[in-house]
C-alpha atoms as a PDB file:
ATOM      1  CA  MET A   1      -6.898  -3.560  55.061  1.00  0.00           C
ATOM      2  CA  PHE A   2      -4.243  -3.126  52.395  1.00  0.00           C
ATOM      3  CA  LEU A   3      -2.559  -0.337  50.510  1.00  0.00           C
ATOM      4  CA  LEU A   4      -1.980  -0.802  46.795  1.00  0.00           C
ATOM      5  CA  GLY A   5       0.665   1.322  45.118  1.00  0.00           C
ATOM      6  CA  PHE A   6       1.086   1.588  41.350  1.00  0.00           C
ATOM      7  CA  SER A   7       2.248   4.098  38.763  1.00  0.00           C
ATOM      8  CA  PRO A   8      -0.730   5.967  37.284  1.00  0.00           C
ATOM      9  CA  LEU A   9       1.614   6.919  34.437  1.00  0.00           C
ATOM     10  CA  MET A  10       1.980   3.262  33.465  1.00  0.00           C
ATOM     11  CA  LEU A  11      -1.393   1.860  34.556  1.00  0.00           C
ATOM     12  CA  ARG A  12      -4.590   3.857  34.160  1.00  0.00           C
ATOM     13  CA  GLN A  13      -6.408   4.475  37.419  1.00  0.00           C
ATOM     14  CA  ASP A  14      -9.809   3.804  35.864  1.00  0.00           C
ATOM     15  CA  THR A  15      -8.521   0.364  34.795  1.00  0.00           C
ATOM     16  CA  VAL A  16      -7.468  -0.370  38.379  1.00  0.00           C
ATOM     17  CA  PHE A  17     -10.751   0.988  39.764  1.00  0.00           C
ATOM     18  CA  THR A  18     -12.771  -1.190  37.382  1.00  0.00           C
ATOM     19  CA  PHE A  19     -10.734  -4.221  38.423  1.00  0.00           C
ATOM     20  CA  LEU A  20     -11.280  -3.419  42.122  1.00  0.00           C
ATOM     21  CA  ASN A  21     -15.025  -2.977  41.585  1.00  0.00           C
ATOM     22  CA  ASN A  22     -15.310  -6.336  39.835  1.00  0.00           C
ATOM     23  CA  SER A  23     -12.906  -8.426  41.898  1.00  0.00           C
ATOM     24  CA  PRO A  24     -14.553 -10.860  44.320  1.00  0.00           C
ATOM     25  CA  ASP A  25     -11.384 -10.619  46.443  1.00  0.00           C
ATOM     26  CA  VAL A  26     -11.828  -6.863  47.039  1.00  0.00           C
ATOM     27  CA  HIS A  27     -14.743  -5.962  49.287  1.00  0.00           C
ATOM     28  CA  ASN A  28     -14.342  -2.190  49.388  1.00  0.00           C
ATOM     29  CA  TRP A  29     -11.765   0.429  48.454  1.00  0.00           C
ATOM     30  CA  ILE A  30     -10.988   4.120  48.552  1.00  0.00           C
ATOM     31  CA  SER A  31      -8.423   6.227  46.745  1.00  0.00           C
ATOM     32  CA  LEU A  32      -7.311   9.711  47.693  1.00  0.00           C
ATOM     33  CA  LEU A  33      -3.903  10.024  46.033  1.00  0.00           C
ATOM     34  CA  PRO A  34      -3.010   9.047  42.449  1.00  0.00           C
ATOM     35  CA  GLY A  35      -1.561   5.553  42.296  1.00  0.00           C
ATOM     36  CA  GLN A  36      -2.587   4.613  45.826  1.00  0.00           C
ATOM     37  CA  VAL A  37      -5.663   2.679  46.905  1.00  0.00           C
ATOM     38  CA  PHE A  38      -6.693   1.447  50.341  1.00  0.00           C
ATOM     39  CA  PHE A  39      -8.756  -1.703  49.987  1.00  0.00           C
ATOM     40  CA  VAL A  40     -10.454  -4.352  52.101  1.00  0.00           C
ATOM     41  CA  SER A  41      -9.964  -8.058  51.447  1.00  0.00           C
ATOM     42  CA  ASP A  42     -10.112 -11.216  53.505  1.00  0.00           C
ATOM     43  CA  LYS A  43      -7.127 -12.593  51.546  1.00  0.00           C
ATOM     44  CA  THR A  44      -3.466 -12.320  52.531  1.00  0.00           C
ATOM     45  CA  ALA A  45      -1.157  -9.775  50.907  1.00  0.00           C
ATOM     46  CA  ALA A  46       0.517 -12.615  48.990  1.00  0.00           C
ATOM     47  CA  ALA A  47      -2.811 -13.955  47.698  1.00  0.00           C
ATOM     48  CA  VAL A  48      -3.992 -10.508  46.632  1.00  0.00           C
ATOM     49  CA  SER A  49      -0.619  -9.859  44.979  1.00  0.00           C
ATOM     50  CA  ASP A  50      -1.060 -13.024  42.926  1.00  0.00           C
ATOM     51  CA  VAL A  51      -4.463 -11.797  41.724  1.00  0.00           C
ATOM     52  CA  PHE A  52      -3.010  -8.418  40.719  1.00  0.00           C
ATOM     53  CA  ARG A  53      -0.007 -10.071  39.058  1.00  0.00           C
ATOM     54  CA  GLN A  54      -2.326 -12.205  36.916  1.00  0.00           C
ATOM     55  CA  MET A  55      -4.436  -9.198  35.920  1.00  0.00           C
ATOM     56  CA  PHE A  56      -1.549  -6.774  35.371  1.00  0.00           C
ATOM     57  CA  PRO A  57       1.439  -8.998  34.547  1.00  0.00           C
ATOM     58  CA  ASP A  58       3.688  -6.278  33.106  1.00  0.00           C
ATOM     59  CA  GLN A  59       3.128  -3.672  35.808  1.00  0.00           C
ATOM     60  CA  PHE A  60       4.917  -2.900  39.038  1.00  0.00           C
ATOM     61  CA  VAL A  61       2.534  -2.939  42.005  1.00  0.00           C
ATOM     62  CA  PHE A  62       3.103  -2.786  45.728  1.00  0.00           C
ATOM     63  CA  ILE A  63       0.671  -4.267  48.243  1.00  0.00           C
ATOM     64  CA  THR A  64       1.107  -4.000  51.984  1.00  0.00           C
ATOM     65  CA  GLU A  65      -1.132  -4.633  54.947  1.00  0.00           C
ATOM     66  CA  VAL A  66      -2.187  -1.481  56.794  1.00  0.00           C
ATOM     67  CA  SER A  67      -2.900  -1.409  60.510  1.00  0.00           C
ATOM     68  CA  PRO A  68      -4.270   1.727  62.176  1.00  0.00           C
ATOM     69  CA  PHE A  69      -1.944   0.954  65.083  1.00  0.00           C
ATOM     70  CA  TYR A  70       1.219   1.086  62.965  1.00  0.00           C
ATOM     71  CA  CYS A  71       0.703   3.972  60.566  1.00  0.00           C
ATOM     72  CA  ASP A  72       0.577   7.735  60.744  1.00  0.00           C
ATOM     73  CA  GLY A  73       0.379  10.677  58.398  1.00  0.00           C
ATOM     74  CA  TRP A  74      -1.745  13.594  57.238  1.00  0.00           C
ATOM     75  CA  LEU A  75      -4.973  12.429  55.665  1.00  0.00           C
ATOM     76  CA  PRO A  76      -8.572  13.701  55.889  1.00  0.00           C
ATOM     77  CA  GLN A  77     -10.492  12.247  58.835  1.00  0.00           C
ATOM     78  CA  PRO A  78     -12.848  10.164  56.652  1.00  0.00           C
ATOM     79  CA  ILE A  79      -9.828   8.297  55.274  1.00  0.00           C
ATOM     80  CA  TRP A  80      -8.575   7.577  58.818  1.00  0.00           C
ATOM     81  CA  ASN A  81     -12.074   6.393  59.707  1.00  0.00           C
ATOM     82  CA  PHE A  82     -11.948   3.966  56.768  1.00  0.00           C
ATOM     83  CA  ILE A  83      -8.502   2.713  57.849  1.00  0.00           C
ATOM     84  CA  SER A  84      -9.633   2.313  61.471  1.00  0.00           C
ATOM     85  CA  ASN A  85     -12.881   0.568  60.564  1.00  0.00           C
ATOM     86  CA  PRO A  86     -12.454  -1.197  57.206  1.00  0.00           C
ATOM     87  CA  VAL A  87     -15.900  -2.391  56.254  1.00  0.00           C
ATOM     88  CA  SER A  88     -16.685  -4.833  53.492  1.00  0.00           C
ATOM     89  CA  VAL A  89     -19.393  -3.162  51.439  1.00  0.00           C
ATOM     90  CA  LYS A  90     -19.958  -2.565  47.739  1.00  0.00           C
ATOM     91  CA  GLY A  91     -22.605  -0.437  46.113  1.00  0.00           C
ATOM     92  CA  ALA A  92     -23.954   3.088  46.068  1.00  0.00           C
ATOM     93  CA  ASP A  93     -23.846   3.491  49.847  1.00  0.00           C
ATOM     94  CA  SER A  94     -20.326   2.173  50.217  1.00  0.00           C
ATOM     95  CA  VAL A  95     -17.832   3.849  52.499  1.00  0.00           C
ATOM     96  CA  ARG A  96     -16.088   5.120  49.366  1.00  0.00           C
ATOM     97  CA  SER A  97     -19.249   6.998  48.305  1.00  0.00           C
ATOM     98  CA  ILE A  98     -19.765   8.420  51.773  1.00  0.00           C
ATOM     99  CA  VAL A  99     -16.154   9.579  52.070  1.00  0.00           C
ATOM    100  CA  GLU A 100     -16.201  11.120  48.603  1.00  0.00           C
ATOM    101  CA  LYS A 101     -19.286  13.119  49.567  1.00  0.00           C
ATOM    102  CA  GLN A 102     -17.722  14.208  52.861  1.00  0.00           C
ATOM    103  CA  LEU A 103     -14.582  15.340  51.051  1.00  0.00           C
ATOM    104  CA  ARG A 104     -16.662  16.906  48.275  1.00  0.00           C
ATOM    105  CA  PHE A 105     -14.551  14.755  45.984  1.00  0.00           C
ATOM    106  CA  THR A 106     -14.746  15.210  42.242  1.00  0.00           C
ATOM    107  CA  ASP A 107     -13.005  12.529  40.234  1.00  0.00           C
ATOM    108  CA  PRO A 108     -11.079  14.034  37.311  1.00  0.00           C
ATOM    109  CA  THR A 109     -11.573  10.820  35.327  1.00  0.00           C
ATOM    110  CA  PRO A 110     -13.910  11.578  32.368  1.00  0.00           C
ATOM    111  CA  GLY A 111     -17.414  10.295  32.969  1.00  0.00           C
ATOM    112  CA  ARG A 112     -17.086  10.149  36.764  1.00  0.00           C
ATOM    113  CA  GLY A 113     -17.522  12.509  39.679  1.00  0.00           C
END
């Protein structure tokens, strides 16, 4: 489980989301806050960083491993469930879809939500 940080002012979120959906190195992801994405990968942080650096060479990104044992904060329970049990699933019934429904999430990106 990793956390990706980027500036949504410099890099469009829908561009990042499309990349995450199409990357074979990313097995599932969820985003609650602008410019932050939790994602599942079997790669190391360094390997994933290399992939992002190749795709977005002129952007600043931050990737760190997330462990439910070493983090804390105020997030909706479905997000904590995703962090505690990061599953590798893509598709309509992905954890992301389930969490979005539980949060009654509406994506402000045109054409989504």
